[in-house]
C-alpha atoms as a PDB file:
ATOM      1  CA  MET A   1      -9.880 -25.658  34.365  1.00  0.00           C
ATOM      2  CA  SER A   2      -6.355 -26.677  34.476  1.00  0.00           C
ATOM      3  CA  HIS A   3      -6.282 -25.858  30.492  1.00  0.00           C
ATOM      4  CA  ILE A   4      -7.389 -22.007  31.628  1.00  0.00           C
ATOM      5  CA  THR A   5      -5.396 -19.241  33.439  1.00  0.00           C
ATOM      6  CA  ASN A   6      -5.634 -15.930  34.427  1.00  0.00           C
ATOM      7  CA  ALA A   7      -3.788 -12.963  33.048  1.00  0.00           C
ATOM      8  CA  ARG A   8      -4.082  -9.267  34.124  1.00  0.00           C
ATOM      9  CA  VAL A   9      -4.805  -6.357  31.730  1.00  0.00           C
ATOM     10  CA  THR A  10      -1.609  -3.806  32.000  1.00  0.00           C
ATOM     11  CA  ALA A  11      -2.892  -1.573  29.137  1.00  0.00           C
ATOM     12  CA  VAL A  12      -5.977  -1.132  26.625  1.00  0.00           C
ATOM     13  CA  GLU A  13      -5.863   1.266  23.718  1.00  0.00           C
ATOM     14  CA  HIS A  14      -9.638   2.419  21.757  1.00  0.00           C
ATOM     15  CA  LEU A  15      -8.139   3.097  18.246  1.00  0.00           C
ATOM     16  CA  THR A  16     -11.498   3.866  16.822  1.00  0.00           C
ATOM     17  CA  ASP A  17     -15.390   3.239  18.216  1.00  0.00           C
ATOM     18  CA  ARG A  18     -14.998  -0.255  16.688  1.00  0.00           C
ATOM     19  CA  LEU A  19     -11.409  -1.036  17.417  1.00  0.00           C
ATOM     20  CA  PHE A  20      -9.409  -1.585  20.646  1.00  0.00           C
ATOM     21  CA  SER A  21      -6.241  -3.698  21.444  1.00  0.00           C
ATOM     22  CA  PHE A  22      -4.921  -4.247  24.934  1.00  0.00           C
ATOM     23  CA  THR A  23      -1.752  -6.236  26.728  1.00  0.00           C
ATOM     24  CA  THR A  24      -1.569  -8.717  29.543  1.00  0.00           C
ATOM     25  CA  THR A  25       0.993 -10.103  31.691  1.00  0.00           C
ATOM     26  CA  ARG A  26       2.578 -13.306  30.073  1.00  0.00           C
ATOM     27  CA  ASP A  27       3.023 -16.194  32.477  1.00  0.00           C
ATOM     28  CA  PRO A  28       6.668 -16.913  32.041  1.00  0.00           C
ATOM     29  CA  GLY A  29       6.063 -20.798  31.151  1.00  0.00           C
ATOM     30  CA  LEU A  30       3.944 -19.621  27.876  1.00  0.00           C
ATOM     31  CA  ARG A  31       5.319 -20.750  24.566  1.00  0.00           C
ATOM     32  CA  PHE A  32       4.054 -19.897  21.258  1.00  0.00           C
ATOM     33  CA  HIS A  33       5.132 -19.287  17.715  1.00  0.00           C
ATOM     34  CA  SER A  34       4.776 -15.962  15.555  1.00  0.00           C
ATOM     35  CA  GLY A  35       0.825 -16.529  13.594  1.00  0.00           C
ATOM     36  CA  GLN A  36      -0.703 -18.770  16.311  1.00  0.00           C
ATOM     37  CA  PHE A  37      -3.590 -17.647  18.106  1.00  0.00           C
ATOM     38  CA  ILE A  38      -4.861 -18.846  22.117  1.00  0.00           C
ATOM     39  CA  MET A  39      -8.192 -19.067  23.841  1.00  0.00           C
ATOM     40  CA  LEU A  40      -9.185 -15.618  25.734  1.00  0.00           C
ATOM     41  CA  GLY A  41     -12.071 -14.607  27.831  1.00  0.00           C
ATOM     42  CA  LEU A  42     -13.866 -13.986  30.927  1.00  0.00           C
ATOM     43  CA  GLU A  43     -15.945 -15.635  33.660  1.00  0.00           C
ATOM     44  CA  VAL A  44     -19.662 -14.869  32.813  1.00  0.00           C
ATOM     45  CA  ASN A  45     -22.142 -16.159  34.672  1.00  0.00           C
ATOM     46  CA  GLY A  46     -19.706 -18.444  36.753  1.00  0.00           C
ATOM     47  CA  ARG A  47     -18.515 -20.092  33.194  1.00  0.00           C
ATOM     48  CA  PRO A  48     -15.812 -19.442  31.205  1.00  0.00           C
ATOM     49  CA  LEU A  49     -16.766 -17.732  27.647  1.00  0.00           C
ATOM     50  CA  LEU A  50     -14.077 -18.272  25.396  1.00  0.00           C
ATOM     51  CA  ARG A  51     -13.356 -17.045  22.410  1.00  0.00           C
ATOM     52  CA  ALA A  52      -9.667 -17.446  19.809  1.00  0.00           C
ATOM     53  CA  TYR A  53      -7.414 -14.473  19.634  1.00  0.00           C
ATOM     54  CA  SER A  54      -4.414 -13.919  17.706  1.00  0.00           C
ATOM     55  CA  ILE A  55      -1.478 -13.405  19.438  1.00  0.00           C
ATOM     56  CA  ALA A  56      -0.347  -9.465  17.841  1.00  0.00           C
ATOM     57  CA  SER A  57       2.812  -9.524  20.198  1.00  0.00           C
ATOM     58  CA  ALA A  58       6.354 -11.534  19.499  1.00  0.00           C
ATOM     59  CA  PRO A  59       7.016 -14.508  21.122  1.00  0.00           C
ATOM     60  CA  TYR A  60      10.278 -12.270  22.677  1.00  0.00           C
ATOM     61  CA  GLU A  61       8.189 -10.054  24.120  1.00  0.00           C
ATOM     62  CA  ASP A  62       7.340 -10.003  28.169  1.00  0.00           C
ATOM     63  CA  GLU A  63       3.787  -9.273  28.017  1.00  0.00           C
ATOM     64  CA  LEU A  64       1.138 -10.258  25.160  1.00  0.00           C
ATOM     65  CA  GLY A  65      -1.190  -8.282  22.782  1.00  0.00           C
ATOM     66  CA  PHE A  66      -4.359  -8.823  21.550  1.00  0.00           C
ATOM     67  CA  LEU A  67      -6.086  -6.830  18.960  1.00  0.00           C
ATOM     68  CA  SER A  68     -10.102  -6.530  19.420  1.00  0.00           C
ATOM     69  CA  ILE A  69     -13.482  -5.262  17.554  1.00  0.00           C
ATOM     70  CA  LYS A  70     -16.205  -4.066  19.436  1.00  0.00           C
ATOM     71  CA  VAL A  71     -19.677  -5.657  19.063  1.00  0.00           C
ATOM     72  CA  PRO A  72     -22.425  -4.472  20.607  1.00  0.00           C
ATOM     73  CA  ASP A  73     -24.064  -7.223  21.206  1.00  0.00           C
ATOM     74  CA  GLY A  74     -21.479  -9.871  21.269  1.00  0.00           C
ATOM     75  CA  PRO A  75     -20.863 -12.378  24.056  1.00  0.00           C
ATOM     76  CA  LEU A  76     -17.296 -11.539  24.530  1.00  0.00           C
ATOM     77  CA  THR A  77     -16.507  -8.232  22.965  1.00  0.00           C
ATOM     78  CA  SER A  78     -19.540  -6.270  24.837  1.00  0.00           C
ATOM     79  CA  ARG A  79     -17.637  -6.874  28.081  1.00  0.00           C
ATOM     80  CA  LEU A  80     -13.932  -7.179  26.588  1.00  0.00           C
ATOM     81  CA  GLN A  81     -14.375  -3.570  25.567  1.00  0.00           C
ATOM     82  CA  HIS A  82     -15.016  -2.231  28.961  1.00  0.00           C
ATOM     83  CA  LEU A  83     -11.969  -3.924  30.275  1.00  0.00           C
ATOM     84  CA  ARG A  84      -9.281  -1.639  32.325  1.00  0.00           C
ATOM     85  CA  PRO A  85      -5.716  -1.975  33.852  1.00  0.00           C
ATOM     86  CA  GLY A  86      -5.751  -4.008  36.430  1.00  0.00           C
ATOM     87  CA  ASP A  87      -8.706  -6.557  35.040  1.00  0.00           C
ATOM     88  CA  GLU A  88      -8.282  -9.829  35.072  1.00  0.00           C
ATOM     89  CA  ILE A  89      -8.518 -12.106  31.889  1.00  0.00           C
ATOM     90  CA  LEU A  90      -8.953 -16.214  30.904  1.00  0.00           C
ATOM     91  CA  LEU A  91      -6.301 -17.289  29.112  1.00  0.00           C
ATOM     92  CA  GLY A  92      -5.462 -20.388  27.405  1.00  0.00           C
ATOM     93  CA  ARG A  93      -2.204 -22.689  27.800  1.00  0.00           C
ATOM     94  CA  LYS A  94      -2.093 -24.106  24.341  1.00  0.00           C
ATOM     95  CA  PRO A  95      -1.267 -21.664  21.474  1.00  0.00           C
ATOM     96  CA  THR A  96      -2.512 -22.950  17.854  1.00  0.00           C
ATOM     97  CA  GLY A  97      -2.704 -21.777  14.865  1.00  0.00           C
ATOM     98  CA  THR A  98      -1.980 -22.473  10.888  1.00  0.00           C
ATOM     99  CA  LEU A  99      -0.557 -19.284  10.416  1.00  0.00           C
ATOM    100  CA  VAL A 100       2.960 -20.675  11.016  1.00  0.00           C
ATOM    101  CA  PRO A 101       6.094 -20.853   8.156  1.00  0.00           C
ATOM    102  CA  GLU A 102       6.679 -23.920   8.841  1.00  0.00           C
ATOM    103  CA  LEU A 103       3.159 -25.108   6.806  1.00  0.00           C
ATOM    104  CA  LEU A 104       4.587 -23.131   3.694  1.00  0.00           C
ATOM    105  CA  GLU A 105       6.621 -24.804   0.847  1.00  0.00           C
ATOM    106  CA  PRO A 106      10.090 -22.517   0.782  1.00  0.00           C
ATOM    107  CA  GLY A 107       9.348 -19.723  -1.547  1.00  0.00           C
ATOM    108  CA  GLU A 108      11.212 -16.009  -2.466  1.00  0.00           C
ATOM    109  CA  ARG A 109       8.233 -13.862  -1.089  1.00  0.00           C
ATOM    110  CA  LEU A 110       5.420 -14.122   1.578  1.00  0.00           C
ATOM    111  CA  TYR A 111       2.026 -12.124   1.247  1.00  0.00           C
ATOM    112  CA  LEU A 112       0.457 -11.368   4.376  1.00  0.00           C
ATOM    113  CA  PHE A 113      -3.024 -10.755   3.432  1.00  0.00           C
ATOM    114  CA  ALA A 114      -5.095  -9.524   6.419  1.00  0.00           C
ATOM    115  CA  THR A 115      -8.735  -7.279   7.047  1.00  0.00           C
ATOM    116  CA  GLY A 116      -9.538  -5.525  10.089  1.00  0.00           C
ATOM    117  CA  THR A 117      -8.589  -7.438  13.277  1.00  0.00           C
ATOM    118  CA  GLY A 118      -7.018 -10.210  11.053  1.00  0.00           C
ATOM    119  CA  LEU A 119      -3.753  -8.063  10.939  1.00  0.00           C
ATOM    120  CA  ALA A 120      -3.152  -9.155  14.478  1.00  0.00           C
ATOM    121  CA  PRO A 121      -1.166 -12.502  14.057  1.00  0.00           C
ATOM    122  CA  PHE A 122       0.892 -10.530  11.607  1.00  0.00           C
ATOM    123  CA  LEU A 123       2.216  -7.849  13.911  1.00  0.00           C
ATOM    124  CA  SER A 124       3.781 -10.940  15.439  1.00  0.00           C
ATOM    125  CA  LEU A 125       5.026 -12.461  12.125  1.00  0.00           C
ATOM    126  CA  ILE A 126       6.682  -9.174  11.121  1.00  0.00           C
ATOM    127  CA  ARG A 127       8.756  -8.542  14.228  1.00  0.00           C
ATOM    128  CA  ASP A 128       9.917 -12.113  14.523  1.00  0.00           C
ATOM    129  CA  PRO A 129      13.824 -12.411  13.199  1.00  0.00           C
ATOM    130  CA  ASP A 130      12.558 -16.087  11.373  1.00  0.00           C
ATOM    131  CA  ILE A 131      10.804 -14.835   8.949  1.00  0.00           C
ATOM    132  CA  TYR A 132      13.447 -12.530   7.508  1.00  0.00           C
ATOM    133  CA  ALA A 133      15.393 -15.345   7.217  1.00  0.00           C
ATOM    134  CA  ARG A 134      13.296 -17.467   5.379  1.00  0.00           C
ATOM    135  CA  PHE A 135      11.772 -14.761   2.846  1.00  0.00           C
ATOM    136  CA  GLU A 136      13.656 -12.880   0.971  1.00  0.00           C
ATOM    137  CA  GLN A 137      10.486 -10.150   0.834  1.00  0.00           C
ATOM    138  CA  ILE A 138       7.517  -9.812   3.509  1.00  0.00           C
ATOM    139  CA  VAL A 139       4.745  -8.104   1.828  1.00  0.00           C
ATOM    140  CA  LEU A 140       1.804  -7.343   4.433  1.00  0.00           C
ATOM    141  CA  VAL A 141      -1.467  -5.975   2.721  1.00  0.00           C
ATOM    142  CA  HIS A 142      -4.155  -4.965   5.335  1.00  0.00           C
ATOM    143  CA  GLY A 143      -7.493  -4.038   4.245  1.00  0.00           C
ATOM    144  CA  CYS A 144     -10.063  -1.696   5.777  1.00  0.00           C
ATOM    145  CA  ARG A 145     -13.531  -0.103   5.414  1.00  0.00           C
ATOM    146  CA  HIS A 146     -11.917   3.775   6.932  1.00  0.00           C
ATOM    147  CA  ALA A 147      -7.918   4.564   6.934  1.00  0.00           C
ATOM    148  CA  ALA A 148      -8.560   5.014  10.757  1.00  0.00           C
ATOM    149  CA  GLU A 149      -9.012   1.502  11.450  1.00  0.00           C
ATOM    150  CA  LEU A 150      -5.368   0.786   9.782  1.00  0.00           C
ATOM    151  CA  ALA A 151      -4.485  -0.140  13.260  1.00  0.00           C
ATOM    152  CA  PHE A 152      -1.031   0.032  14.039  1.00  0.00           C
ATOM    153  CA  ARG A 153       0.378   2.263  10.679  1.00  0.00           C
ATOM    154  CA  ARG A 154       2.931   3.777  12.608  1.00  0.00           C
ATOM    155  CA  MET A 155       4.424   1.557  14.141  1.00  0.00           C
ATOM    156  CA  ILE A 156       4.934  -0.505  10.942  1.00  0.00           C
ATOM    157  CA  THR A 157       6.171   2.437   9.126  1.00  0.00           C
ATOM    158  CA  GLU A 158       7.953   4.571  11.586  1.00  0.00           C
ATOM    159  CA  GLU A 159       8.905   2.719  14.350  1.00  0.00           C
ATOM    160  CA  LEU A 160       9.784  -0.963  13.312  1.00  0.00           C
ATOM    161  CA  PRO A 161      12.223   0.152  10.658  1.00  0.00           C
ATOM    162  CA  GLN A 162      14.317   1.333  13.816  1.00  0.00           C
ATOM    163  CA  HIS A 163      14.007  -1.383  15.792  1.00  0.00           C
ATOM    164  CA  GLU A 164      17.514  -2.071  17.593  1.00  0.00           C
ATOM    165  CA  LEU A 165      17.629  -5.711  15.979  1.00  0.00           C
ATOM    166  CA  LEU A 166      15.142  -5.841  13.463  1.00  0.00           C
ATOM    167  CA  GLY A 167      15.135  -2.197  11.718  1.00  0.00           C
ATOM    168  CA  ALA A 168      18.069  -3.403   8.558  1.00  0.00           C
ATOM    169  CA  GLU A 169      15.890  -6.415   7.433  1.00  0.00           C
ATOM    170  CA  VAL A 170      12.850  -4.152   8.032  1.00  0.00           C
ATOM    171  CA  CYS A 171      13.984  -1.488   5.832  1.00  0.00           C
ATOM    172  CA  ALA A 172      15.688  -4.030   2.946  1.00  0.00           C
ATOM    173  CA  ARG A 173      12.521  -6.377   3.203  1.00  0.00           C
ATOM    174  CA  LEU A 174       9.181  -5.022   4.192  1.00  0.00           C
ATOM    175  CA  ARG A 175       6.870  -4.068   1.854  1.00  0.00           C
ATOM    176  CA  TYR A 176       3.541  -2.188   3.316  1.00  0.00           C
ATOM    177  CA  VAL A 177       0.560  -1.946   1.494  1.00  0.00           C
ATOM    178  CA  PRO A 178      -2.686  -0.479   3.612  1.00  0.00           C
ATOM    179  CA  THR A 179      -5.933  -0.026   1.600  1.00  0.00           C
ATOM    180  CA  VAL A 180      -9.197   1.057   2.243  1.00  0.00           C
ATOM    181  CA  THR A 181     -12.605   0.327   0.424  1.00  0.00           C
ATOM    182  CA  ARG A 182     -14.994   3.267   1.760  1.00  0.00           C
ATOM    183  CA  GLU A 183     -13.300   6.676   1.649  1.00  0.00           C
ATOM    184  CA  PRO A 184     -10.526   8.225  -0.569  1.00  0.00           C
ATOM    185  CA  PHE A 185      -7.549   6.841   0.303  1.00  0.00           C
ATOM    186  CA  PRO A 186      -3.684   6.712  -1.986  1.00  0.00           C
ATOM    187  CA  THR A 187      -4.978   2.893  -2.358  1.00  0.00           C
ATOM    188  CA  ARG A 188      -8.442   2.396  -2.160  1.00  0.00           C
ATOM    189  CA  GLY A 189      -9.936  -1.449  -2.878  1.00  0.00           C
ATOM    190  CA  ARG A 190     -10.393  -4.934  -1.915  1.00  0.00           C
ATOM    191  CA  ILE A 191      -7.342  -7.032  -1.921  1.00  0.00           C
ATOM    192  CA  ASP A 192      -8.911  -9.308  -4.235  1.00  0.00           C
ATOM    193  CA  ALA A 193      -9.686  -6.338  -6.324  1.00  0.00           C
ATOM    194  CA  LEU A 194      -6.072  -5.346  -5.994  1.00  0.00           C
ATOM    195  CA  ILE A 195      -4.302  -8.876  -6.942  1.00  0.00           C
ATOM    196  CA  GLU A 196      -7.320  -9.311  -9.921  1.00  0.00           C
ATOM    197  CA  ASP A 197      -6.760  -5.672 -12.137  1.00  0.00           C
ATOM    198  CA  GLY A 198      -3.049  -5.885 -11.389  1.00  0.00           C
ATOM    199  CA  ARG A 199      -2.544  -2.823  -9.225  1.00  0.00           C
ATOM    200  CA  LEU A 200      -1.179  -4.320  -6.527  1.00  0.00           C
ATOM    201  CA  ALA A 201       1.682  -5.955  -8.501  1.00  0.00           C
ATOM    202  CA  ALA A 202       2.401  -2.504  -9.987  1.00  0.00           C
ATOM    203  CA  MET A 203       2.704  -0.232  -6.796  1.00  0.00           C
ATOM    204  CA  LEU A 204       4.977  -3.224  -5.463  1.00  0.00           C
ATOM    205  CA  ASP A 205       6.614  -3.212  -9.060  1.00  0.00           C
ATOM    206  CA  LEU A 206       6.675  -6.986  -8.894  1.00  0.00           C
ATOM    207  CA  PRO A 207       5.455  -9.735 -11.021  1.00  0.00           C
ATOM    208  CA  PRO A 208       2.184 -11.511 -10.490  1.00  0.00           C
ATOM    209  CA  LEU A 209       1.479 -14.046  -7.903  1.00  0.00           C
ATOM    210  CA  ASP A 210       3.028 -17.165  -8.815  1.00  0.00           C
ATOM    211  CA  PRO A 211       3.220 -20.114  -6.934  1.00  0.00           C
ATOM    212  CA  ALA A 212       6.251 -20.906  -7.740  1.00  0.00           C
ATOM    213  CA  ALA A 213       8.024 -18.294  -6.322  1.00  0.00           C
ATOM    214  CA  ASP A 214       5.451 -16.378  -4.019  1.00  0.00           C
ATOM    215  CA  ARG A 215       3.482 -18.068  -0.194  1.00  0.00           C
ATOM    216  CA  ALA A 216       0.577 -16.507   1.236  1.00  0.00           C
ATOM    217  CA  MET A 217      -1.056 -16.626   4.953  1.00  0.00           C
ATOM    218  CA  LEU A 218      -4.716 -15.154   4.699  1.00  0.00           C
ATOM    219  CA  CYS A 219      -6.391 -13.577   8.257  1.00  0.00           C
ATOM    220  CA  GLY A 220      -9.471 -11.775   8.260  1.00  0.00           C
ATOM    221  CA  SER A 221     -13.436 -11.750   7.412  1.00  0.00           C
ATOM    222  CA  PRO A 222     -15.203 -14.834   6.172  1.00  0.00           C
ATOM    223  CA  ALA A 223     -15.542 -13.252   2.882  1.00  0.00           C
ATOM    224  CA  MET A 224     -12.089 -11.916   2.325  1.00  0.00           C
ATOM    225  CA  LEU A 225     -10.897 -15.582   2.830  1.00  0.00           C
ATOM    226  CA  ALA A 226     -13.177 -17.130   0.444  1.00  0.00           C
ATOM    227  CA  SER A 227     -12.406 -14.583  -2.336  1.00  0.00           C
ATOM    228  CA  LEU A 228      -8.559 -14.685  -1.965  1.00  0.00           C
ATOM    229  CA  ARG A 229      -8.885 -18.401  -1.567  1.00  0.00           C
ATOM    230  CA  THR A 230     -10.706 -18.331  -4.659  1.00  0.00           C
ATOM    231  CA  VAL A 231      -7.924 -15.875  -6.465  1.00  0.00           C
ATOM    232  CA  LEU A 232      -5.004 -18.315  -4.952  1.00  0.00           C
ATOM    233  CA  GLU A 233      -6.301 -21.542  -6.348  1.00  0.00           C
ATOM    234  CA  ALA A 234      -7.127 -19.822 -10.025  1.00  0.00           C
ATOM    235  CA  ARG A 235      -3.278 -18.933  -9.916  1.00  0.00           C
ATOM    236  CA  GLY A 236      -2.226 -22.466  -9.311  1.00  0.00           C
ATOM    237  CA  PHE A 237      -1.666 -22.199  -5.381  1.00  0.00           C
ATOM    238  CA  ALA A 238      -2.552 -25.125  -3.092  1.00  0.00           C
ATOM    239  CA  GLU A 239      -3.221 -24.625   0.501  1.00  0.00           C
ATOM    240  CA  GLY A 240      -1.032 -26.054   3.250  1.00  0.00           C
ATOM    241  CA  SER A 241      -1.927 -27.914   6.248  1.00  0.00           C
ATOM    242  CA  HIS A 242      -0.090 -29.829   9.310  1.00  0.00           C
ATOM    243  CA  ALA A 243       0.002 -32.706   7.083  1.00  0.00           C
ATOM    244  CA  SER A 244       1.196 -31.140   3.744  1.00  0.00           C
ATOM    245  CA  PRO A 245       2.923 -28.188   3.180  1.00  0.00           C
ATOM    246  CA  GLY A 246       1.599 -26.124   0.290  1.00  0.00           C
ATOM    247  CA  GLN A 247       1.783 -22.287  -1.443  1.00  0.00           C
ATOM    248  CA  PHE A 248      -0.858 -20.837   0.872  1.00  0.00           C
ATOM    249  CA  VAL A 249      -2.480 -21.257   4.611  1.00  0.00           C
ATOM    250  CA  VAL A 250      -5.623 -19.432   6.371  1.00  0.00           C
ATOM    251  CA  GLU A 251      -6.606 -19.328   9.367  1.00  0.00           C
ATOM    252  CA  ARG A 252      -9.958 -19.856  10.171  1.00  0.00           C
ATOM    253  CA  ALA A 253     -10.335 -19.584  13.625  1.00  0.00           C
ATOM    254  CA  PHE A 254     -11.146 -15.700  12.884  1.00  0.00           C
ATOM    255  CA  ALA A 255     -14.381 -14.494  13.395  1.00  0.00           C
ATOM    256  CA  GLU A 256     -16.615 -11.111  14.460  1.00  0.00           C
ATOM    257  CA  ARG A 257     -17.504 -11.878  17.648  1.00  0.00           C
END
């Protein structure tokens, strides 16, 4: 299996009863761009069981970070959730994906729309100096059912602004909007609803989404991807690809697994 290598789990954190994160060792030869995913998994019954996982760590970090849900009967996550430091996992050797700025036309603002563990690739992007060089503003909108599932909220709001190299850029350019749907919270509602009723633009004091100035990346549940695609296309946004850059891109590899 030359396209697969082994990595060792270095840390595991159970964030909620449905959500956990973990880090692994990184092969010195592995190169990736912020926003990409990699195949990850375990050996089950003598065969590799792999799924696509977005890399949550930055390209310059020594370890690889991942964010995962727990599916009780999921072929892979039912096993991954029991990982412990020191355990071995399988990793692909060829990161890929569509959540890279090269697939977007130049613009003023970049909106990062995520639900659940779809946040993972954006955790990498907001820690990449390149993204701040490309856009005047970065708006990260993360939707979950419950506030406890707003993973890495403290890192985004408290730790990243103090980052030795990126802190000044983060404070000046990054806007973070957490929203929940099933309990009281300062911002409540689905992302598509926040856009459609104007609340998102109002709370940010920004103009409504406009393909002339704004770019977007989408990562989350299939329902979220479908609804936001409809919202964006109704406003004249065109999807970008490796063949032709556009005003928004979608990560289709995300799935509840």
